[in-house]
Amino acid sequence: MSDQIPLVQIGPVQVAWIKGDPEAPYVILFHGYGANAYDLLPLYSYLDVPKGTNFLFPNGILEIPIMPGYYGRAWFPIDMEALQRAMVAGGTRDLSDRSPDGLTEARSKAEEMIERLGVPMDRIVLGGFSQGAMLATELFLCSEKKPKGLLILSGTLLDRDRWSGLAATTPGFSFFQSHGRNDPVLGYPAAKRLETLLKEAGWKGDLLAFPGGHEIPEVVLLGMNRYLKELF
């Protein structure tokens, strides 16, 4: 079905948009590094949401080479050499002490896209996978008017002190988080620290850990559906 859904321009971002009822909820899911707008699109058929829900799958603002002749999309650059060194050494990169270069620009463009939609934030669920989960979390924390919900799929903790301060100003919001215990890309311990940070700030949610890697298995889909049913 993905090849039947053209990308449309919403402000500075291209989006694959499965349109529903304009008055229904909107679920916005950001893909990971090297993927594109169509990577997460199949999720819409698995999610238990109100009839007429709109799904938006934004396309990363950067074009990056994946292999000769093939390009993917990203939201901000990452140091691939440092990531590969960490993986070869049997570890993962810890990003909790920094805000990645390009994150602010990505957030600004995503914010403009959402503003152009003209949809009240309390009808929007933000989410993403991997780098897209980082962007969704950053967007949620920085939003003056908070979205309805937040889906953090295999994300990680960034800029600990800043995120902690932002989360503490708005306790009571709920989130869904999932992560593979054997994730070789973004380590499970950092995901656990993100969960702890949010819960200590008064947020409601739990980390669904699964015995796998950097992926979205069925158990995560079931957990997402439980969360979304509670939201709506």
C-alpha atoms as a PDB file:
ATOM      1  CA  MET A   1       0.000   0.000   0.000  1.00  0.00           C
ATOM      2  CA  SER A   2       2.910   2.366   0.674  1.00  0.00           C
ATOM      3  CA  ASP A   3       3.533   2.957  -3.027  1.00  0.00           C
ATOM      4  CA  GLN A   4      -0.061   4.176  -3.336  1.00  0.00           C
ATOM      5  CA  ILE A   5       0.377   6.936  -0.768  1.00  0.00           C
ATOM      6  CA  PRO A   6       2.325   9.891  -2.192  1.00  0.00           C
ATOM      7  CA  LEU A   7       4.292  12.227   0.015  1.00  0.00           C
ATOM      8  CA  VAL A   8       2.628  15.580   0.617  1.00  0.00           C
ATOM      9  CA  GLN A   9       4.352  18.738   1.767  1.00  0.00           C
ATOM     10  CA  ILE A  10       3.236  20.150   5.114  1.00  0.00           C
ATOM     11  CA  GLY A  11       5.364  23.183   5.809  1.00  0.00           C
ATOM     12  CA  PRO A  12       9.047  22.143   5.652  1.00  0.00           C
ATOM     13  CA  VAL A  13       8.383  18.393   5.971  1.00  0.00           C
ATOM     14  CA  GLN A  14       7.104  15.779   3.528  1.00  0.00           C
ATOM     15  CA  VAL A  15       4.585  13.354   4.975  1.00  0.00           C
ATOM     16  CA  ALA A  16       2.867  10.100   4.029  1.00  0.00           C
ATOM     17  CA  TRP A  17      -0.634  10.841   5.266  1.00  0.00           C
ATOM     18  CA  ILE A  18      -3.422   8.309   5.714  1.00  0.00           C
ATOM     19  CA  LYS A  19      -6.358  10.670   6.035  1.00  0.00           C
ATOM     20  CA  GLY A  20      -9.349   9.989   8.206  1.00  0.00           C
ATOM     21  CA  ASP A  21     -11.940  12.178   9.889  1.00  0.00           C
ATOM     22  CA  PRO A  22     -10.529  15.703  10.406  1.00  0.00           C
ATOM     23  CA  GLU A  23     -12.167  15.752  13.849  1.00  0.00           C
ATOM     24  CA  ALA A  24     -10.659  12.403  14.896  1.00  0.00           C
ATOM     25  CA  PRO A  25      -7.261  11.864  16.580  1.00  0.00           C
ATOM     26  CA  TYR A  26      -3.959  12.239  14.725  1.00  0.00           C
ATOM     27  CA  VAL A  27      -1.087   9.792  15.245  1.00  0.00           C
ATOM     28  CA  ILE A  28       2.293  11.113  14.048  1.00  0.00           C
ATOM     29  CA  LEU A  29       5.138   8.565  13.893  1.00  0.00           C
ATOM     30  CA  PHE A  30       8.743   9.526  13.081  1.00  0.00           C
ATOM     31  CA  HIS A  31      10.999   6.891  11.481  1.00  0.00           C
ATOM     32  CA  GLY A  32      14.536   5.987  12.510  1.00  0.00           C
ATOM     33  CA  TYR A  33      17.910   6.891  11.007  1.00  0.00           C
ATOM     34  CA  GLY A  34      18.341   5.650   7.445  1.00  0.00           C
ATOM     35  CA  ALA A  35      14.687   4.705   6.913  1.00  0.00           C
ATOM     36  CA  ASN A  36      11.965   6.873   5.362  1.00  0.00           C
ATOM     37  CA  ALA A  37       8.322   7.874   5.715  1.00  0.00           C
ATOM     38  CA  TYR A  38       7.090   4.465   4.563  1.00  0.00           C
ATOM     39  CA  ASP A  39       9.093   2.434   7.080  1.00  0.00           C
ATOM     40  CA  LEU A  40       6.549   2.672   9.930  1.00  0.00           C
ATOM     41  CA  LEU A  41       3.481   3.088   7.731  1.00  0.00           C
ATOM     42  CA  PRO A  42       2.337  -0.571   8.059  1.00  0.00           C
ATOM     43  CA  LEU A  43       1.789   0.044  11.791  1.00  0.00           C
ATOM     44  CA  TYR A  44      -1.418   1.937  11.094  1.00  0.00           C
ATOM     45  CA  SER A  45      -3.260  -1.286  10.284  1.00  0.00           C
ATOM     46  CA  TYR A  46      -2.245  -2.876  13.601  1.00  0.00           C
ATOM     47  CA  LEU A  47      -3.066  -0.054  15.986  1.00  0.00           C
ATOM     48  CA  ASP A  48      -6.324  -0.032  17.927  1.00  0.00           C
ATOM     49  CA  VAL A  49      -7.479   3.566  17.599  1.00  0.00           C
ATOM     50  CA  PRO A  50     -10.848   5.308  17.172  1.00  0.00           C
ATOM     51  CA  LYS A  51     -12.509   5.050  13.773  1.00  0.00           C
ATOM     52  CA  GLY A  52     -11.376   7.795  11.425  1.00  0.00           C
ATOM     53  CA  THR A  53      -7.982   8.324  13.103  1.00  0.00           C
ATOM     54  CA  ASN A  54      -5.463  10.125  10.887  1.00  0.00           C
ATOM     55  CA  PHE A  55      -1.933   8.724  10.550  1.00  0.00           C
ATOM     56  CA  LEU A  56       1.022  10.858   9.510  1.00  0.00           C
ATOM     57  CA  PHE A  57       4.446   9.424   8.754  1.00  0.00           C
ATOM     58  CA  PRO A  58       6.926  12.282   8.223  1.00  0.00           C
ATOM     59  CA  ASN A  59       9.961  11.891   5.965  1.00  0.00           C
ATOM     60  CA  GLY A  60      13.338  12.756   7.490  1.00  0.00           C
ATOM     61  CA  ILE A  61      14.669  16.194   6.584  1.00  0.00           C
ATOM     62  CA  LEU A  62      18.155  14.883   5.687  1.00  0.00           C
ATOM     63  CA  GLU A  63      19.149  12.558   2.845  1.00  0.00           C
ATOM     64  CA  ILE A  64      21.941  10.185   3.858  1.00  0.00           C
ATOM     65  CA  PRO A  65      23.870   7.537   1.905  1.00  0.00           C
ATOM     66  CA  ILE A  66      23.170   3.982   3.063  1.00  0.00           C
ATOM     67  CA  MET A  67      25.057   2.074   0.390  1.00  0.00           C
ATOM     68  CA  PRO A  68      26.205   2.802  -3.170  1.00  0.00           C
ATOM     69  CA  GLY A  69      23.194   4.037  -5.111  1.00  0.00           C
ATOM     70  CA  TYR A  70      20.830   3.949  -2.142  1.00  0.00           C
ATOM     71  CA  TYR A  71      19.868   6.789   0.163  1.00  0.00           C
ATOM     72  CA  GLY A  72      17.770   6.911   3.297  1.00  0.00           C
ATOM     73  CA  ARG A  73      16.443   9.740   5.404  1.00  0.00           C
ATOM     74  CA  ALA A  74      17.320  11.022   8.859  1.00  0.00           C
ATOM     75  CA  TRP A  75      16.270  13.729  11.296  1.00  0.00           C
ATOM     76  CA  PHE A  76      19.755  14.737  12.398  1.00  0.00           C
ATOM     77  CA  PRO A  77      23.290  13.443  11.751  1.00  0.00           C
ATOM     78  CA  ILE A  78      24.873  10.721  13.839  1.00  0.00           C
ATOM     79  CA  ASP A  79      28.534   9.739  14.176  1.00  0.00           C
ATOM     80  CA  MET A  80      28.427   6.379  12.408  1.00  0.00           C
ATOM     81  CA  GLU A  81      32.112   5.664  13.072  1.00  0.00           C
ATOM     82  CA  ALA A  82      31.663   6.153  16.824  1.00  0.00           C
ATOM     83  CA  LEU A  83      28.546   3.963  16.762  1.00  0.00           C
ATOM     84  CA  GLN A  84      30.342   1.200  14.887  1.00  0.00           C
ATOM     85  CA  ARG A  85      33.329   1.355  17.248  1.00  0.00           C
ATOM     86  CA  ALA A  86      31.014   0.973  20.221  1.00  0.00           C
ATOM     87  CA  MET A  87      29.212  -1.981  18.638  1.00  0.00           C
ATOM     88  CA  VAL A  88      32.504  -3.712  17.733  1.00  0.00           C
ATOM     89  CA  ALA A  89      33.614  -3.270  21.340  1.00  0.00           C
ATOM     90  CA  GLY A  90      30.401  -4.922  22.490  1.00  0.00           C
ATOM     91  CA  GLY A  91      28.868  -1.756  23.887  1.00  0.00           C
ATOM     92  CA  THR A  92      26.516   1.048  22.863  1.00  0.00           C
ATOM     93  CA  ARG A  93      26.864   4.812  22.716  1.00  0.00           C
ATOM     94  CA  ASP A  94      25.632   6.819  25.680  1.00  0.00           C
ATOM     95  CA  LEU A  95      24.042  10.082  24.494  1.00  0.00           C
ATOM     96  CA  SER A  96      22.568  11.160  27.816  1.00  0.00           C
ATOM     97  CA  ASP A  97      25.074  13.953  28.352  1.00  0.00           C
ATOM     98  CA  ARG A  98      24.446  15.827  25.112  1.00  0.00           C
ATOM     99  CA  SER A  99      21.949  17.229  22.660  1.00  0.00           C
ATOM    100  CA  PRO A 100      22.886  15.925  19.188  1.00  0.00           C
ATOM    101  CA  ASP A 101      23.832  18.419  16.497  1.00  0.00           C
ATOM    102  CA  GLY A 102      20.815  19.053  14.310  1.00  0.00           C
ATOM    103  CA  LEU A 103      18.197  18.077  16.906  1.00  0.00           C
ATOM    104  CA  THR A 104      17.058  21.663  17.403  1.00  0.00           C
ATOM    105  CA  GLU A 105      16.608  22.163  13.644  1.00  0.00           C
ATOM    106  CA  ALA A 106      14.690  18.898  13.325  1.00  0.00           C
ATOM    107  CA  ARG A 107      12.419  19.856  16.216  1.00  0.00           C
ATOM    108  CA  SER A 108      11.798  23.301  14.731  1.00  0.00           C
ATOM    109  CA  LYS A 109      10.759  21.863  11.370  1.00  0.00           C
ATOM    110  CA  ALA A 110       8.568  19.216  12.986  1.00  0.00           C
ATOM    111  CA  GLU A 111       6.926  21.908  15.118  1.00  0.00           C
ATOM    112  CA  GLU A 112       6.168  23.952  12.001  1.00  0.00           C
ATOM    113  CA  MET A 113       4.693  20.889  10.311  1.00  0.00           C
ATOM    114  CA  ILE A 114       2.391  20.280  13.277  1.00  0.00           C
ATOM    115  CA  GLU A 115       1.420  23.956  13.433  1.00  0.00           C
ATOM    116  CA  ARG A 116       0.488  23.874   9.737  1.00  0.00           C
ATOM    117  CA  LEU A 117      -1.850  20.950  10.434  1.00  0.00           C
ATOM    118  CA  GLY A 118      -3.959  23.232  12.588  1.00  0.00           C
ATOM    119  CA  VAL A 119      -5.001  20.366  14.873  1.00  0.00           C
ATOM    120  CA  PRO A 120      -5.320  20.884  18.651  1.00  0.00           C
ATOM    121  CA  MET A 121      -2.447  19.214  20.471  1.00  0.00           C
ATOM    122  CA  ASP A 122      -4.829  17.250  22.696  1.00  0.00           C
ATOM    123  CA  ARG A 123      -5.896  15.282  19.599  1.00  0.00           C
ATOM    124  CA  ILE A 124      -2.317  14.389  18.608  1.00  0.00           C
ATOM    125  CA  VAL A 125      -0.263  11.360  19.667  1.00  0.00           C
ATOM    126  CA  LEU A 126       3.448  11.689  18.931  1.00  0.00           C
ATOM    127  CA  GLY A 127       5.739   8.730  18.556  1.00  0.00           C
ATOM    128  CA  GLY A 128       8.682   7.278  16.759  1.00  0.00           C
ATOM    129  CA  PHE A 129      11.272   4.544  16.468  1.00  0.00           C
ATOM    130  CA  SER A 130      14.951   4.929  17.404  1.00  0.00           C
ATOM    131  CA  GLN A 131      16.073   8.389  16.229  1.00  0.00           C
ATOM    132  CA  GLY A 132      12.432   9.189  15.542  1.00  0.00           C
ATOM    133  CA  ALA A 133      11.621   8.338  19.167  1.00  0.00           C
ATOM    134  CA  MET A 134      14.287  10.808  20.307  1.00  0.00           C
ATOM    135  CA  LEU A 135      12.718  13.515  18.158  1.00  0.00           C
ATOM    136  CA  ALA A 136       9.194  12.688  19.363  1.00  0.00           C
ATOM    137  CA  THR A 137      10.327  12.866  22.996  1.00  0.00           C
ATOM    138  CA  GLU A 138      12.105  16.175  22.394  1.00  0.00           C
ATOM    139  CA  LEU A 139       8.998  17.558  20.692  1.00  0.00           C
ATOM    140  CA  PHE A 140       6.714  16.448  23.499  1.00  0.00           C
ATOM    141  CA  LEU A 141       8.922  17.834  26.249  1.00  0.00           C
ATOM    142  CA  CYS A 142       9.366  21.187  24.498  1.00  0.00           C
ATOM    143  CA  SER A 143       5.695  21.640  23.553  1.00  0.00           C
ATOM    144  CA  GLU A 144       3.963  24.373  25.518  1.00  0.00           C
ATOM    145  CA  LYS A 145       0.640  22.658  24.852  1.00  0.00           C
ATOM    146  CA  LYS A 146       1.236  18.952  25.315  1.00  0.00           C
ATOM    147  CA  PRO A 147       0.055  16.279  22.866  1.00  0.00           C
ATOM    148  CA  LYS A 148      -2.371  13.570  23.937  1.00  0.00           C
ATOM    149  CA  GLY A 149       0.251  10.850  24.215  1.00  0.00           C
ATOM    150  CA  LEU A 150       3.829   9.753  23.534  1.00  0.00           C
ATOM    151  CA  LEU A 151       5.130   6.482  22.017  1.00  0.00           C
ATOM    152  CA  ILE A 152       8.874   5.901  22.602  1.00  0.00           C
ATOM    153  CA  LEU A 153       9.925   2.848  20.569  1.00  0.00           C
ATOM    154  CA  SER A 154      13.582   1.867  21.050  1.00  0.00           C
ATOM    155  CA  GLY A 155      14.586   5.438  21.835  1.00  0.00           C
ATOM    156  CA  THR A 156      17.157   6.691  24.326  1.00  0.00           C
ATOM    157  CA  LEU A 157      17.931   9.403  26.847  1.00  0.00           C
ATOM    158  CA  LEU A 158      19.378  12.654  25.515  1.00  0.00           C
ATOM    159  CA  ASP A 159      20.600  15.733  27.345  1.00  0.00           C
ATOM    160  CA  ARG A 160      19.646  14.364  30.765  1.00  0.00           C
ATOM    161  CA  ASP A 161      19.606  17.589  32.776  1.00  0.00           C
ATOM    162  CA  ARG A 162      17.568  19.546  30.209  1.00  0.00           C
ATOM    163  CA  TRP A 163      15.052  16.754  29.636  1.00  0.00           C
ATOM    164  CA  SER A 164      14.704  16.225  33.372  1.00  0.00           C
ATOM    165  CA  GLY A 165      13.954  19.912  33.912  1.00  0.00           C
ATOM    166  CA  LEU A 166      11.392  19.986  31.091  1.00  0.00           C
ATOM    167  CA  ALA A 167       9.653  16.832  32.300  1.00  0.00           C
ATOM    168  CA  ALA A 168       9.442  18.121  35.856  1.00  0.00           C
ATOM    169  CA  THR A 169       7.475  21.204  34.772  1.00  0.00           C
ATOM    170  CA  THR A 170       4.565  19.106  33.471  1.00  0.00           C
ATOM    171  CA  PRO A 171       3.937  16.063  35.687  1.00  0.00           C
ATOM    172  CA  GLY A 172       0.957  13.807  35.115  1.00  0.00           C
ATOM    173  CA  PHE A 173       1.373  13.028  31.418  1.00  0.00           C
ATOM    174  CA  SER A 174       1.407   9.412  30.275  1.00  0.00           C
ATOM    175  CA  PHE A 175       3.839   7.679  27.938  1.00  0.00           C
ATOM    176  CA  PHE A 176       4.469   4.271  26.383  1.00  0.00           C
ATOM    177  CA  GLN A 177       8.037   3.044  26.046  1.00  0.00           C
ATOM    178  CA  SER A 178       9.509  -0.173  24.656  1.00  0.00           C
ATOM    179  CA  HIS A 179      13.059  -1.456  24.266  1.00  0.00           C
ATOM    180  CA  GLY A 180      14.892  -4.684  23.503  1.00  0.00           C
ATOM    181  CA  ARG A 181      17.084  -5.949  26.319  1.00  0.00           C
ATOM    182  CA  ASN A 182      19.708  -6.967  23.738  1.00  0.00           C
ATOM    183  CA  ASP A 183      19.525  -3.840  21.569  1.00  0.00           C
ATOM    184  CA  PRO A 184      23.005  -3.459  19.982  1.00  0.00           C
ATOM    185  CA  VAL A 185      22.347   0.068  18.685  1.00  0.00           C
ATOM    186  CA  LEU A 186      20.794   1.963  21.593  1.00  0.00           C
ATOM    187  CA  GLY A 187      21.470   0.169  24.844  1.00  0.00           C
ATOM    188  CA  TYR A 188      18.745  -0.951  27.227  1.00  0.00           C
ATOM    189  CA  PRO A 189      20.321   0.712  30.331  1.00  0.00           C
ATOM    190  CA  ALA A 190      19.930   4.189  28.774  1.00  0.00           C
ATOM    191  CA  ALA A 191      16.298   3.435  27.936  1.00  0.00           C
ATOM    192  CA  LYS A 192      15.756   2.407  31.554  1.00  0.00           C
ATOM    193  CA  ARG A 193      17.282   5.695  32.708  1.00  0.00           C
ATOM    194  CA  LEU A 194      14.846   7.567  30.456  1.00  0.00           C
ATOM    195  CA  GLU A 195      11.924   5.724  32.040  1.00  0.00           C
ATOM    196  CA  THR A 196      13.254   6.572  35.509  1.00  0.00           C
ATOM    197  CA  LEU A 197      13.685  10.235  34.586  1.00  0.00           C
ATOM    198  CA  LEU A 198      10.098  10.543  33.364  1.00  0.00           C
ATOM    199  CA  LYS A 199       8.589   8.693  36.307  1.00  0.00           C
ATOM    200  CA  GLU A 200      10.613  10.688  38.838  1.00  0.00           C
ATOM    201  CA  ALA A 201       9.220  13.825  37.163  1.00  0.00           C
ATOM    202  CA  GLY A 202       5.695  12.587  37.898  1.00  0.00           C
ATOM    203  CA  TRP A 203       4.882  11.078  34.503  1.00  0.00           C
ATOM    204  CA  LYS A 204       2.817   7.907  34.180  1.00  0.00           C
ATOM    205  CA  GLY A 205       4.137   4.975  32.197  1.00  0.00           C
ATOM    206  CA  ASP A 206       6.396   1.953  32.159  1.00  0.00           C
ATOM    207  CA  LEU A 207       9.137   0.554  29.991  1.00  0.00           C
ATOM    208  CA  LEU A 208       8.043  -2.602  28.183  1.00  0.00           C
ATOM    209  CA  ALA A 209      11.239  -4.634  27.900  1.00  0.00           C
ATOM    210  CA  PHE A 210      11.386  -7.558  25.485  1.00  0.00           C
ATOM    211  CA  PRO A 211      14.037 -10.221  24.757  1.00  0.00           C
ATOM    212  CA  GLY A 212      15.174  -8.836  21.425  1.00  0.00           C
ATOM    213  CA  GLY A 213      17.133  -6.142  19.668  1.00  0.00           C
ATOM    214  CA  HIS A 214      16.426  -2.948  17.749  1.00  0.00           C
ATOM    215  CA  GLU A 215      12.943  -3.800  16.555  1.00  0.00           C
ATOM    216  CA  ILE A 216       9.171  -3.616  17.042  1.00  0.00           C
ATOM    217  CA  PRO A 217       7.947  -7.144  17.856  1.00  0.00           C
ATOM    218  CA  GLU A 218       4.344  -8.218  18.376  1.00  0.00           C
ATOM    219  CA  VAL A 219       4.521  -7.754  22.141  1.00  0.00           C
ATOM    220  CA  VAL A 220       5.221  -4.063  21.555  1.00  0.00           C
ATOM    221  CA  LEU A 221       2.246  -3.730  19.202  1.00  0.00           C
ATOM    222  CA  LEU A 222       0.030  -5.236  21.889  1.00  0.00           C
ATOM    223  CA  GLY A 223       1.454  -2.856  24.477  1.00  0.00           C
ATOM    224  CA  MET A 224       0.922   0.127  22.201  1.00  0.00           C
ATOM    225  CA  ASN A 225      -2.705  -0.899  21.720  1.00  0.00           C
ATOM    226  CA  ARG A 226      -3.301  -1.138  25.461  1.00  0.00           C
ATOM    227  CA  TYR A 227      -1.840   2.343  25.887  1.00  0.00           C
ATOM    228  CA  LEU A 228      -3.831   3.848  23.011  1.00  0.00           C
ATOM    229  CA  LYS A 229      -7.095   2.333  24.265  1.00  0.00           C
ATOM    230  CA  GLU A 230      -6.476   3.950  27.657  1.00  0.00           C
ATOM    231  CA  LEU A 231      -5.772   7.296  25.967  1.00  0.00           C
ATOM    232  CA  PHE A 232      -8.965   7.289  23.905  1.00  0.00           C
END
